[in-house]
Amino acid sequence: MTELERLAQRAGEVRARFAAFERASYGSEWSVQELLLGLMTDVGDLAAAVQRIEGRRPSSGTSEDRAALEHELADCLWVLLVVAERYEIDLSQAFSTAMDGLVEWLGDQER
């Protein structure tokens, strides 16, 4: 099992626990659209964490800023892994294909 597969499996396990919580609390689990709305919030939190580290927002100047950055990156990755699993996307292959396309495009730009 690759590291990404291990992460995806863990993401799925945590998602299953959240789904149970959502059913108990709200009567149904979040849809993919709702997960993506959550991702948008996480991306905003990620941007704010980067701004604090870069000195563009008030910062505590402590390791809390770094911990917040790590947490938000992990939150974003979690949602992406969950969505990929939901749609049976091989994220390793998709990433590889996307990077190959970018390298090809960059090669064309350099000519």
Protein backbone atom coordinates (compact mmCIF):
# COMPACT_ATOMS: atom_id res chain seq x y z
CA MET A 1 0.00 0.00 0.00
CA THR A 2 1.39 3.39 -0.97
CA GLU A 3 1.50 6.30 1.46
CA LEU A 4 -1.27 8.06 -0.46
CA GLU A 5 -3.43 4.92 -0.31
CA ARG A 6 -2.83 4.72 3.42
CA LEU A 7 -3.82 8.37 3.82
CA ALA A 8 -6.92 7.82 1.67
CA GLN A 9 -7.93 4.83 3.80
CA ARG A 10 -7.54 6.87 6.99
CA ALA A 11 -9.50 9.75 5.44
CA GLY A 12 -12.30 7.32 4.60
CA GLU A 13 -12.37 5.96 8.13
CA VAL A 14 -12.63 9.45 9.61
CA ARG A 15 -15.26 10.42 7.02
CA ALA A 16 -17.36 7.40 8.02
CA ARG A 17 -17.28 8.57 11.64
CA PHE A 18 -18.27 12.09 10.60
CA ALA A 19 -21.10 10.69 8.47
CA ALA A 20 -22.46 8.83 11.49
CA PHE A 21 -22.23 12.00 13.57
CA GLU A 22 -24.02 14.00 10.84
CA ARG A 23 -26.83 11.42 10.56
CA ALA A 24 -27.31 11.45 14.33
CA SER A 25 -27.11 15.23 14.61
CA TYR A 26 -28.78 16.44 11.40
CA GLY A 27 -30.69 13.48 10.01
CA SER A 28 -28.41 12.97 7.01
CA GLU A 29 -24.78 13.02 6.10
CA TRP A 30 -23.15 15.83 4.16
CA SER A 31 -23.37 15.68 0.39
CA VAL A 32 -20.30 16.15 -1.80
CA GLN A 33 -21.45 19.72 -2.38
CA GLU A 34 -21.49 20.34 1.37
CA LEU A 35 -18.05 18.77 1.74
CA LEU A 36 -16.78 21.14 -0.94
CA LEU A 37 -18.33 24.12 0.83
CA GLY A 38 -16.41 22.99 3.89
CA LEU A 39 -13.27 22.81 1.74
CA MET A 40 -13.82 26.41 0.68
CA THR A 41 -13.87 27.41 4.36
CA ASP A 42 -10.72 25.36 4.96
CA VAL A 43 -8.97 27.06 2.02
CA GLY A 44 -9.86 30.45 3.50
CA ASP A 45 -8.46 29.35 6.86
CA LEU A 46 -5.34 28.09 5.04
CA ALA A 47 -4.89 31.46 3.32
CA ALA A 48 -5.24 33.27 6.67
CA ALA A 49 -2.65 30.95 8.26
CA VAL A 50 -0.19 31.68 5.44
CA GLN A 51 -0.84 35.42 5.79
CA ARG A 52 -0.06 35.22 9.52
CA ILE A 53 3.21 33.38 8.84
CA GLU A 54 4.11 35.87 6.09
CA GLY A 55 3.42 38.82 8.37
CA ARG A 56 0.34 40.02 6.49
CA ARG A 57 -2.06 39.38 9.38
CA PRO A 58 -1.64 39.70 13.12
CA SER A 59 0.34 36.76 14.39
CA SER A 60 1.01 35.25 17.75
CA GLY A 61 4.60 34.82 16.64
CA THR A 62 4.60 31.34 18.11
CA SER A 63 4.51 27.79 16.87
CA GLU A 64 0.70 28.12 16.91
CA ASP A 65 0.86 29.76 13.48
CA ARG A 66 2.82 26.83 12.07
CA ALA A 67 0.46 24.34 13.74
CA ALA A 68 -2.53 26.16 12.21
CA LEU A 69 -0.92 25.97 8.76
CA GLU A 70 -0.28 22.24 9.15
CA HIS A 71 -3.84 21.67 10.37
CA GLU A 72 -5.45 23.55 7.48
CA LEU A 73 -3.30 21.80 4.88
CA ALA A 74 -4.36 18.47 6.39
CA ASP A 75 -8.04 19.51 6.41
CA CYS A 76 -7.87 20.42 2.72
CA LEU A 77 -6.10 17.17 1.84
CA TRP A 78 -8.68 15.19 3.81
CA VAL A 79 -11.59 16.59 1.80
CA LEU A 80 -9.76 16.02 -1.50
CA LEU A 81 -9.05 12.41 -0.53
CA VAL A 82 -12.68 11.87 0.49
CA VAL A 83 -14.04 13.35 -2.74
CA ALA A 84 -11.60 11.30 -4.84
CA GLU A 85 -12.73 8.15 -3.05
CA ARG A 86 -16.40 9.04 -3.49
CA TYR A 87 -15.93 9.28 -7.28
CA GLU A 88 -13.47 6.36 -7.47
CA ILE A 89 -10.64 8.56 -8.70
CA ASP A 90 -7.13 7.14 -8.52
CA LEU A 91 -5.59 10.30 -7.13
CA SER A 92 -2.02 9.07 -7.65
CA GLN A 93 -2.70 8.51 -11.33
CA ALA A 94 -4.66 11.74 -11.70
CA PHE A 95 -1.83 13.70 -10.05
CA SER A 96 0.78 12.06 -12.26
CA THR A 97 -1.24 12.79 -15.39
CA ALA A 98 -1.81 16.40 -14.37
CA MET A 99 1.90 16.94 -13.62
CA ASP A 100 2.87 15.35 -16.95
CA GLY A 101 0.50 17.78 -18.67
CA LEU A 102 1.99 20.76 -16.83
CA VAL A 103 5.54 19.68 -17.70
CA GLU A 104 4.52 19.31 -21.35
CA TRP A 105 2.86 22.74 -21.33
CA LEU A 106 5.92 24.33 -19.71
CA GLY A 107 8.12 22.69 -22.33
CA ASP A 108 5.99 24.24 -25.05
CA GLN A 109 6.28 27.66 -23.36
CA GLU A 110 10.07 27.42 -23.22
CA ARG A 111 10.40 26.94 -26.98
